Amino acid sequence: NLYFNLAGLTRDRLPSVSLYADLLTRLRTKKHTLPKLQELIKANLGTLVFGTDAYSADSRNEACIPVLSAYCSVLEQNIDTAVELILEILQETVFEKETILPVVQQHVESSRQMLINAGHSAAAVRAGAHFSAESLAREYMIGYEAARWVTDFKNNYDSRIEQFIDD
């Protein structure tokens, strides 16, 4: 597990980081086409998942640290390869308007399905957002607010994609 501290990002920027995490491993890099990248991941790692989360120190409600996470399962002899692939994905992913749109559309549908199938969980996260910074961050990264943001992003894709790529 690798965690990259996102402290300093405002909460309105957190949904875009969730989309960013979703794009990693789903776009080509400067070194590899997407099929080749996915082949390397499957051949050398058991699992590679990027995501977002938030953690509070000592269960404090008033503060938290949002993070971008990279999780992989890998055999010991493939650790160097795993690190190389993770660094390549983080540093050399190519963000192109044409290739991002299908992922955004899938992200919107996944969010919609999550709200339909696990609405009670989304409601719990949303309710908790009033009581802890950790839950508030999760609301903006994976909850209802994140779903609203990505839907709005999709609906206004042409006017917002360049800024997203720059960010």
N, C-alpha and C. Protein backbone atom coordinates (compact mmCIF):
# COMPACT_ATOMS: atom_id res chain seq x y z
N ASN A 1 0.84 -1.19 0.00
CA ASN A 1 0.00 0.00 0.00
C ASN A 1 0.88 1.24 0.00
N LEU A 2 0.59 2.14 -0.90
CA LEU A 2 1.26 3.43 -0.93
C LEU A 2 0.19 4.51 -0.78
N TYR A 3 0.50 5.52 0.03
CA TYR A 3 -0.45 6.60 0.25
C TYR A 3 0.23 7.92 -0.07
N PHE A 4 -0.46 8.75 -0.87
CA PHE A 4 0.06 10.05 -1.25
C PHE A 4 -0.85 11.11 -0.64
N ASN A 5 -0.26 11.90 0.24
CA ASN A 5 -0.98 12.90 1.01
C ASN A 5 -1.57 13.97 0.09
N LEU A 6 -2.87 14.21 0.24
CA LEU A 6 -3.57 15.23 -0.54
C LEU A 6 -3.97 16.42 0.33
N ALA A 7 -3.39 16.52 1.52
CA ALA A 7 -3.70 17.66 2.39
C ALA A 7 -3.37 18.94 1.63
N GLY A 8 -4.22 19.90 1.76
CA GLY A 8 -4.03 21.15 1.05
C GLY A 8 -4.99 21.31 -0.11
N LEU A 9 -5.57 20.21 -0.58
CA LEU A 9 -6.60 20.32 -1.61
C LEU A 9 -7.90 20.73 -0.95
N THR A 10 -8.61 21.63 -1.58
CA THR A 10 -9.91 22.01 -1.05
C THR A 10 -10.90 20.89 -1.34
N ARG A 11 -11.98 20.84 -0.60
CA ARG A 11 -12.93 19.74 -0.76
C ARG A 11 -13.57 19.73 -2.14
N ASP A 12 -13.71 20.88 -2.78
CA ASP A 12 -14.30 20.88 -4.11
C ASP A 12 -13.37 20.29 -5.17
N ARG A 13 -12.09 20.10 -4.84
CA ARG A 13 -11.14 19.45 -5.75
C ARG A 13 -11.09 17.95 -5.54
N LEU A 14 -11.60 17.44 -4.43
CA LEU A 14 -11.50 16.02 -4.13
C LEU A 14 -12.20 15.11 -5.14
N PRO A 15 -13.38 15.48 -5.67
CA PRO A 15 -13.99 14.59 -6.67
C PRO A 15 -13.13 14.39 -7.91
N SER A 16 -12.40 15.41 -8.31
CA SER A 16 -11.55 15.27 -9.49
C SER A 16 -10.40 14.31 -9.22
N VAL A 17 -9.92 14.24 -7.99
CA VAL A 17 -8.86 13.29 -7.64
C VAL A 17 -9.39 11.87 -7.70
N SER A 18 -10.64 11.69 -7.32
CA SER A 18 -11.26 10.37 -7.42
C SER A 18 -11.33 9.93 -8.88
N LEU A 19 -11.69 10.83 -9.77
CA LEU A 19 -11.71 10.51 -11.19
C LEU A 19 -10.30 10.23 -11.69
N TYR A 20 -9.35 11.04 -11.26
CA TYR A 20 -7.95 10.84 -11.63
C TYR A 20 -7.50 9.43 -11.25
N ALA A 21 -7.82 9.00 -10.04
CA ALA A 21 -7.44 7.65 -9.60
C ALA A 21 -8.08 6.59 -10.49
N ASP A 22 -9.32 6.84 -10.89
CA ASP A 22 -10.03 5.90 -11.75
C ASP A 22 -9.39 5.82 -13.14
N LEU A 23 -8.80 6.91 -13.60
CA LEU A 23 -8.17 6.93 -14.92
C LEU A 23 -6.84 6.18 -14.95
N LEU A 24 -6.16 6.16 -13.83
CA LEU A 24 -4.87 5.46 -13.79
C LEU A 24 -5.10 3.98 -14.06
N THR A 25 -4.27 3.40 -14.87
CA THR A 25 -4.34 2.02 -15.38
C THR A 25 -5.39 1.85 -16.47
N ARG A 26 -6.11 2.92 -16.82
CA ARG A 26 -7.12 2.84 -17.89
C ARG A 26 -6.77 3.72 -19.07
N LEU A 27 -5.58 4.34 -19.00
CA LEU A 27 -5.06 5.15 -20.09
C LEU A 27 -3.64 4.72 -20.38
N ARG A 28 -3.18 5.00 -21.58
CA ARG A 28 -1.80 4.64 -21.95
C ARG A 28 -0.81 5.53 -21.21
N THR A 29 0.44 5.10 -21.22
CA THR A 29 1.52 5.93 -20.69
C THR A 29 2.42 6.34 -21.85
N LYS A 30 3.40 7.17 -21.56
CA LYS A 30 4.34 7.59 -22.61
C LYS A 30 5.16 6.40 -23.11
N LYS A 31 5.32 5.38 -22.27
CA LYS A 31 6.15 4.23 -22.64
C LYS A 31 5.35 3.08 -23.24
N HIS A 32 4.09 2.92 -22.84
CA HIS A 32 3.33 1.74 -23.22
C HIS A 32 1.92 2.08 -23.69
N THR A 33 1.46 1.31 -24.68
CA THR A 33 0.05 1.38 -25.06
C THR A 33 -0.76 0.82 -23.91
N LEU A 34 -2.06 1.08 -23.91
CA LEU A 34 -2.90 0.56 -22.84
C LEU A 34 -2.90 -0.96 -22.80
N PRO A 35 -3.06 -1.66 -23.93
CA PRO A 35 -3.01 -3.13 -23.86
C PRO A 35 -1.68 -3.66 -23.32
N LYS A 36 -0.56 -3.04 -23.73
CA LYS A 36 0.75 -3.48 -23.24
C LYS A 36 0.88 -3.21 -21.74
N LEU A 37 0.43 -2.06 -21.29
CA LEU A 37 0.48 -1.72 -19.87
C LEU A 37 -0.33 -2.72 -19.05
N GLN A 38 -1.54 -3.03 -19.51
CA GLN A 38 -2.38 -3.99 -18.80
C GLN A 38 -1.77 -5.38 -18.83
N GLU A 39 -1.11 -5.73 -19.92
CA GLU A 39 -0.42 -7.02 -20.01
C GLU A 39 0.72 -7.09 -18.99
N LEU A 40 1.49 -6.01 -18.86
CA LEU A 40 2.59 -5.97 -17.89
C LEU A 40 2.06 -6.08 -16.45
N ILE A 41 0.97 -5.42 -16.18
CA ILE A 41 0.37 -5.49 -14.85
C ILE A 41 -0.06 -6.91 -14.55
N LYS A 42 -0.77 -7.54 -15.47
CA LYS A 42 -1.26 -8.91 -15.26
C LYS A 42 -0.12 -9.91 -15.15
N ALA A 43 0.96 -9.69 -15.91
CA ALA A 43 2.08 -10.63 -15.90
C ALA A 43 2.95 -10.52 -14.65
N ASN A 44 3.00 -9.33 -14.04
CA ASN A 44 3.94 -9.10 -12.95
C ASN A 44 3.32 -8.82 -11.59
N LEU A 45 2.05 -8.47 -11.57
CA LEU A 45 1.39 -8.14 -10.31
C LEU A 45 0.12 -8.96 -10.18
N GLY A 46 -0.27 -9.25 -8.97
CA GLY A 46 -1.55 -9.91 -8.76
C GLY A 46 -2.68 -8.91 -8.89
N THR A 47 -2.47 -7.72 -8.32
CA THR A 47 -3.49 -6.68 -8.30
C THR A 47 -2.80 -5.32 -8.32
N LEU A 48 -3.40 -4.37 -8.99
CA LEU A 48 -2.96 -2.97 -8.90
C LEU A 48 -4.21 -2.11 -8.96
N VAL A 49 -4.46 -1.37 -7.88
CA VAL A 49 -5.66 -0.54 -7.77
C VAL A 49 -5.26 0.82 -7.22
N PHE A 50 -5.73 1.86 -7.89
CA PHE A 50 -5.55 3.22 -7.38
C PHE A 50 -6.90 3.69 -6.86
N GLY A 51 -6.89 4.46 -5.79
CA GLY A 51 -8.13 4.95 -5.21
C GLY A 51 -7.88 6.17 -4.34
N THR A 52 -8.93 6.58 -3.67
CA THR A 52 -8.83 7.71 -2.74
C THR A 52 -9.47 7.31 -1.42
N ASP A 53 -9.01 7.93 -0.36
CA ASP A 53 -9.59 7.70 0.95
C ASP A 53 -9.19 8.85 1.86
N ALA A 54 -9.60 8.78 3.09
CA ALA A 54 -9.26 9.80 4.08
C ALA A 54 -9.05 9.13 5.42
N TYR A 55 -8.12 9.66 6.19
CA TYR A 55 -7.79 9.09 7.49
C TYR A 55 -7.66 10.20 8.52
N SER A 56 -8.17 9.91 9.71
CA SER A 56 -8.05 10.84 10.83
C SER A 56 -7.02 10.32 11.81
N ALA A 57 -6.21 11.22 12.31
CA ALA A 57 -5.25 10.85 13.33
C ALA A 57 -5.96 10.71 14.66
N ASP A 58 -5.73 9.61 15.33
CA ASP A 58 -6.29 9.39 16.66
C ASP A 58 -7.81 9.56 16.72
N SER A 59 -8.50 9.19 15.65
CA SER A 59 -9.96 9.26 15.58
C SER A 59 -10.50 10.66 15.86
N ARG A 60 -9.76 11.67 15.47
CA ARG A 60 -10.21 13.05 15.65
C ARG A 60 -11.24 13.38 14.59
N ASN A 61 -12.33 13.99 14.97
CA ASN A 61 -13.41 14.31 14.04
C ASN A 61 -13.18 15.59 13.25
N GLU A 62 -12.37 16.50 13.80
CA GLU A 62 -12.27 17.82 13.18
C GLU A 62 -11.21 17.93 12.08
N ALA A 63 -10.40 16.90 11.89
CA ALA A 63 -9.36 16.97 10.86
C ALA A 63 -9.10 15.59 10.27
N CYS A 64 -8.65 15.59 9.02
CA CYS A 64 -8.28 14.34 8.38
C CYS A 64 -7.26 14.62 7.29
N ILE A 65 -6.68 13.55 6.79
CA ILE A 65 -5.76 13.66 5.67
C ILE A 65 -6.34 12.85 4.52
N PRO A 66 -6.77 13.51 3.44
CA PRO A 66 -7.20 12.77 2.26
C PRO A 66 -5.97 12.22 1.55
N VAL A 67 -6.10 11.06 0.93
CA VAL A 67 -4.97 10.43 0.27
C VAL A 67 -5.37 9.83 -1.07
N LEU A 68 -4.41 9.80 -1.97
CA LEU A 68 -4.48 8.98 -3.17
C LEU A 68 -3.73 7.72 -2.81
N SER A 69 -4.33 6.56 -3.03
CA SER A 69 -3.67 5.31 -2.64
C SER A 69 -3.39 4.44 -3.85
N ALA A 70 -2.32 3.70 -3.74
CA ALA A 70 -1.99 2.67 -4.72
C ALA A 70 -1.82 1.38 -3.93
N TYR A 71 -2.60 0.37 -4.31
CA TYR A 71 -2.52 -0.93 -3.65
C TYR A 71 -2.11 -1.95 -4.69
N CYS A 72 -1.12 -2.75 -4.35
CA CYS A 72 -0.78 -3.85 -5.25
C CYS A 72 -0.43 -5.07 -4.43
N SER A 73 -0.73 -6.22 -5.01
CA SER A 73 -0.26 -7.48 -4.46
C SER A 73 0.76 -8.00 -5.46
N VAL A 74 1.90 -8.41 -4.95
CA VAL A 74 3.01 -8.76 -5.83
C VAL A 74 3.91 -9.77 -5.13
N LEU A 75 4.46 -10.68 -5.91
CA LEU A 75 5.46 -11.60 -5.36
C LEU A 75 6.74 -10.83 -5.09
N GLU A 76 7.48 -11.30 -4.10
CA GLU A 76 8.69 -10.58 -3.68
C GLU A 76 9.66 -10.35 -4.84
N GLN A 77 9.80 -11.32 -5.72
CA GLN A 77 10.74 -11.17 -6.83
C GLN A 77 10.28 -10.13 -7.87
N ASN A 78 9.02 -9.69 -7.80
CA ASN A 78 8.50 -8.70 -8.75
C ASN A 78 8.32 -7.32 -8.15
N ILE A 79 8.84 -7.10 -6.94
CA ILE A 79 8.64 -5.81 -6.28
C ILE A 79 9.24 -4.67 -7.08
N ASP A 80 10.44 -4.84 -7.60
CA ASP A 80 11.07 -3.76 -8.38
C ASP A 80 10.24 -3.42 -9.62
N THR A 81 9.72 -4.44 -10.28
CA THR A 81 8.88 -4.23 -11.45
C THR A 81 7.59 -3.50 -11.05
N ALA A 82 7.02 -3.88 -9.92
CA ALA A 82 5.80 -3.22 -9.43
C ALA A 82 6.05 -1.74 -9.19
N VAL A 83 7.15 -1.42 -8.53
CA VAL A 83 7.48 -0.03 -8.25
C VAL A 83 7.67 0.74 -9.56
N GLU A 84 8.37 0.14 -10.53
CA GLU A 84 8.56 0.79 -11.83
C GLU A 84 7.23 1.06 -12.52
N LEU A 85 6.33 0.08 -12.50
CA LEU A 85 5.02 0.26 -13.14
C LEU A 85 4.20 1.34 -12.44
N ILE A 86 4.20 1.34 -11.12
CA ILE A 86 3.44 2.35 -10.37
C ILE A 86 3.98 3.74 -10.67
N LEU A 87 5.31 3.88 -10.66
CA LEU A 87 5.90 5.19 -10.98
C LEU A 87 5.58 5.61 -12.41
N GLU A 88 5.67 4.67 -13.34
CA GLU A 88 5.33 4.99 -14.73
C GLU A 88 3.89 5.47 -14.84
N ILE A 89 2.99 4.77 -14.19
CA ILE A 89 1.57 5.14 -14.26
C ILE A 89 1.33 6.51 -13.62
N LEU A 90 1.93 6.75 -12.48
CA LEU A 90 1.74 8.03 -11.80
C LEU A 90 2.38 9.21 -12.53
N GLN A 91 3.53 8.97 -13.14
CA GLN A 91 4.29 10.08 -13.72
C GLN A 91 4.13 10.22 -15.23
N GLU A 92 3.70 9.16 -15.93
CA GLU A 92 3.73 9.21 -17.38
C GLU A 92 2.41 8.84 -18.06
N THR A 93 1.33 8.77 -17.30
CA THR A 93 0.04 8.53 -17.92
C THR A 93 -0.28 9.69 -18.85
N VAL A 94 -0.79 9.36 -20.02
CA VAL A 94 -1.12 10.36 -21.03
C VAL A 94 -2.62 10.65 -20.95
N PHE A 95 -2.94 11.87 -20.58
CA PHE A 95 -4.34 12.29 -20.44
C PHE A 95 -4.76 12.97 -21.73
N GLU A 96 -5.62 12.30 -22.48
CA GLU A 96 -6.10 12.82 -23.76
C GLU A 96 -7.62 12.91 -23.72
N LYS A 97 -8.12 14.01 -24.23
CA LYS A 97 -9.56 14.29 -24.22
C LYS A 97 -10.38 13.11 -24.75
N GLU A 98 -9.94 12.52 -25.85
CA GLU A 98 -10.70 11.45 -26.50
C GLU A 98 -10.73 10.17 -25.68
N THR A 99 -9.64 9.87 -25.00
CA THR A 99 -9.58 8.61 -24.25
C THR A 99 -10.16 8.73 -22.85
N ILE A 100 -10.27 9.93 -22.34
CA ILE A 100 -10.81 10.13 -21.00
C ILE A 100 -12.33 10.02 -21.00
N LEU A 101 -12.99 10.51 -22.05
CA LEU A 101 -14.45 10.55 -22.08
C LEU A 101 -15.10 9.19 -21.82
N PRO A 102 -14.69 8.10 -22.46
CA PRO A 102 -15.33 6.81 -22.17
C PRO A 102 -15.18 6.38 -20.70
N VAL A 103 -14.04 6.71 -20.11
CA VAL A 103 -13.84 6.38 -18.69
C VAL A 103 -14.75 7.22 -17.82
N VAL A 104 -14.92 8.49 -18.17
CA VAL A 104 -15.83 9.37 -17.43
C VAL A 104 -17.25 8.82 -17.52
N GLN A 105 -17.67 8.41 -18.70
CA GLN A 105 -19.01 7.85 -18.88
C GLN A 105 -19.19 6.59 -18.03
N GLN A 106 -18.18 5.73 -17.97
CA GLN A 106 -18.24 4.54 -17.13
C GLN A 106 -18.27 4.91 -15.65
N HIS A 107 -17.50 5.93 -15.29
CA HIS A 107 -17.46 6.40 -13.90
C HIS A 107 -18.84 6.92 -13.47
N VAL A 108 -19.49 7.65 -14.37
CA VAL A 108 -20.85 8.15 -14.09
C VAL A 108 -21.80 6.97 -13.87
N GLU A 109 -21.74 5.99 -14.74
CA GLU A 109 -22.63 4.83 -14.61
C GLU A 109 -22.31 4.04 -13.35
N SER A 110 -21.05 3.88 -13.00
CA SER A 110 -20.68 3.18 -11.76
C SER A 110 -21.22 3.93 -10.54
N SER A 111 -21.11 5.26 -10.58
CA SER A 111 -21.64 6.07 -9.48
C SER A 111 -23.15 5.91 -9.37
N ARG A 112 -23.82 5.92 -10.50
CA ARG A 112 -25.27 5.75 -10.53
C ARG A 112 -25.66 4.39 -9.96
N GLN A 113 -24.97 3.36 -10.38
CA GLN A 113 -25.25 2.01 -9.89
C GLN A 113 -24.97 1.89 -8.39
N MET A 114 -23.90 2.54 -7.93
CA MET A 114 -23.59 2.53 -6.50
C MET A 114 -24.73 3.16 -5.71
N LEU A 115 -25.24 4.28 -6.21
CA LEU A 115 -26.33 4.95 -5.50
C LEU A 115 -27.61 4.12 -5.51
N ILE A 116 -27.84 3.38 -6.58
CA ILE A 116 -29.02 2.52 -6.65
C ILE A 116 -28.87 1.31 -5.75
N ASN A 117 -27.72 0.63 -5.89
CA ASN A 117 -27.53 -0.65 -5.18
C ASN A 117 -27.05 -0.52 -3.74
N ALA A 118 -26.41 0.58 -3.43
CA ALA A 118 -25.90 0.76 -2.07
C ALA A 118 -26.24 2.16 -1.58
N GLY A 119 -27.47 2.58 -1.85
CA GLY A 119 -27.92 3.90 -1.43
C GLY A 119 -27.81 4.10 0.07
N HIS A 120 -28.04 3.03 0.83
CA HIS A 120 -27.93 3.13 2.29
C HIS A 120 -26.50 3.48 2.71
N SER A 121 -25.51 2.94 2.01
CA SER A 121 -24.11 3.27 2.32
C SER A 121 -23.80 4.72 1.96
N ALA A 122 -24.29 5.15 0.80
CA ALA A 122 -24.10 6.53 0.39
C ALA A 122 -24.77 7.49 1.38
N ALA A 123 -25.94 7.11 1.85
CA ALA A 123 -26.65 7.95 2.83
C ALA A 123 -25.87 8.02 4.15
N ALA A 124 -25.27 6.91 4.55
CA ALA A 124 -24.49 6.90 5.78
C ALA A 124 -23.26 7.80 5.66
N VAL A 125 -22.60 7.74 4.51
CA VAL A 125 -21.43 8.60 4.28
C VAL A 125 -21.87 10.06 4.29
N ARG A 126 -22.97 10.34 3.62
CA ARG A 126 -23.47 11.72 3.55
C ARG A 126 -23.87 12.24 4.94
N ALA A 127 -24.54 11.41 5.70
CA ALA A 127 -24.92 11.81 7.06
C ALA A 127 -23.69 12.02 7.93
N GLY A 128 -22.72 11.12 7.80
CA GLY A 128 -21.49 11.24 8.58
C GLY A 128 -20.68 12.47 8.24
N ALA A 129 -20.87 12.99 7.03
CA ALA A 129 -20.12 14.17 6.59
C ALA A 129 -20.41 15.39 7.47
N HIS A 130 -21.53 15.35 8.18
CA HIS A 130 -21.86 16.46 9.09
C HIS A 130 -21.13 16.35 10.42
N PHE A 131 -20.50 15.20 10.67
CA PHE A 131 -19.93 14.97 11.99
C PHE A 131 -18.42 14.74 12.01
N SER A 132 -17.82 14.45 10.86
CA SER A 132 -16.37 14.25 10.87
C SER A 132 -15.76 14.68 9.55
N ALA A 133 -14.55 15.18 9.65
CA ALA A 133 -13.82 15.61 8.46
C ALA A 133 -13.52 14.42 7.55
N GLU A 134 -13.25 13.27 8.14
CA GLU A 134 -12.97 12.06 7.37
C GLU A 134 -14.16 11.68 6.50
N SER A 135 -15.35 11.68 7.09
CA SER A 135 -16.55 11.36 6.32
C SER A 135 -16.87 12.43 5.29
N LEU A 136 -16.59 13.68 5.62
CA LEU A 136 -16.80 14.77 4.66
C LEU A 136 -15.90 14.57 3.44
N ALA A 137 -14.64 14.24 3.67
CA ALA A 137 -13.72 14.00 2.56
C ALA A 137 -14.19 12.81 1.73
N ARG A 138 -14.63 11.75 2.37
CA ARG A 138 -15.13 10.58 1.64
C ARG A 138 -16.39 10.92 0.84
N GLU A 139 -17.24 11.77 1.38
CA GLU A 139 -18.44 12.20 0.66
C GLU A 139 -18.05 12.85 -0.67
N TYR A 140 -17.00 13.66 -0.64
CA TYR A 140 -16.57 14.36 -1.85
C TYR A 140 -15.70 13.50 -2.77
N MET A 141 -15.18 12.39 -2.27
CA MET A 141 -14.36 11.52 -3.11
C MET A 141 -15.13 10.32 -3.67
N ILE A 142 -16.07 9.77 -2.87
CA ILE A 142 -16.76 8.55 -3.32
C ILE A 142 -18.27 8.58 -3.06
N GLY A 143 -18.76 9.62 -2.45
CA GLY A 143 -20.18 9.66 -2.07
C GLY A 143 -21.05 10.37 -3.08
N TYR A 144 -22.19 10.82 -2.59
CA TYR A 144 -23.18 11.49 -3.44
C TYR A 144 -22.61 12.74 -4.10
N GLU A 145 -21.85 13.54 -3.37
CA GLU A 145 -21.26 14.75 -3.94
C GLU A 145 -20.30 14.40 -5.07
N ALA A 146 -19.55 13.31 -4.92
CA ALA A 146 -18.65 12.86 -6.00
C ALA A 146 -19.45 12.45 -7.22
N ALA A 147 -20.57 11.76 -7.00
CA ALA A 147 -21.43 11.34 -8.11
C ALA A 147 -22.01 12.56 -8.83
N ARG A 148 -22.43 13.55 -8.07
CA ARG A 148 -22.95 14.78 -8.68
C ARG A 148 -21.87 15.48 -9.50
N TRP A 149 -20.65 15.55 -8.92
CA TRP A 149 -19.56 16.23 -9.61
C TRP A 149 -19.23 15.56 -10.93
N VAL A 150 -19.08 14.24 -10.93
CA VAL A 150 -18.68 13.54 -12.15
C VAL A 150 -19.79 13.60 -13.20
N THR A 151 -21.05 13.61 -12.78
CA THR A 151 -22.15 13.76 -13.73
C THR A 151 -22.12 15.15 -14.36
N ASP A 152 -21.89 16.17 -13.55
CA ASP A 152 -21.77 17.53 -14.06
C ASP A 152 -20.56 17.65 -14.98
N PHE A 153 -19.47 17.00 -14.61
CA PHE A 153 -18.26 17.01 -15.44
C PHE A 153 -18.56 16.40 -16.81
N LYS A 154 -19.25 15.27 -16.82
CA LYS A 154 -19.62 14.62 -18.09
C LYS A 154 -20.52 15.52 -18.92
N ASN A 155 -21.51 16.14 -18.27
CA ASN A 155 -22.45 16.99 -18.99
C ASN A 155 -21.81 18.26 -19.55
N ASN A 156 -20.71 18.68 -18.96
CA ASN A 156 -20.00 19.88 -19.41
C ASN A 156 -18.57 19.54 -19.84
N TYR A 157 -18.42 18.35 -20.37
CA TYR A 157 -17.11 17.79 -20.67
C TYR A 157 -16.25 18.71 -21.54
N ASP A 158 -16.80 19.19 -22.63
CA ASP A 158 -16.01 19.99 -23.57
C ASP A 158 -15.46 21.27 -22.94
N SER A 159 -16.20 21.86 -22.03
CA SER A 159 -15.74 23.11 -21.42
C SER A 159 -14.86 22.87 -20.19
N ARG A 160 -14.82 21.65 -19.66
CA ARG A 160 -14.07 21.41 -18.43
C ARG A 160 -12.87 20.48 -18.59
N ILE A 161 -12.78 19.74 -19.69
CA ILE A 161 -11.75 18.72 -19.80
C ILE A 161 -10.33 19.30 -19.85
N GLU A 162 -10.15 20.41 -20.52
CA GLU A 162 -8.79 20.98 -20.63
C GLU A 162 -8.26 21.37 -19.25
N GLN A 163 -9.11 21.98 -18.41
CA GLN A 163 -8.68 22.35 -17.07
C GLN A 163 -8.36 21.11 -16.23
N PHE A 164 -9.18 20.07 -16.39
CA PHE A 164 -8.92 18.82 -15.68
C PHE A 164 -7.56 18.25 -16.08
N ILE A 165 -7.28 18.22 -17.36
CA ILE A 165 -6.00 17.69 -17.84
C ILE A 165 -4.84 18.54 -17.31
N ASP A 166 -5.01 19.86 -17.32
CA ASP A 166 -3.96 20.74 -16.79
C ASP A 166 -3.72 20.49 -15.31
N ASP A 167 -4.81 20.31 -14.55
CA ASP A 167 -4.70 20.04 -13.11
C ASP A 167 -3.98 18.72 -12.87
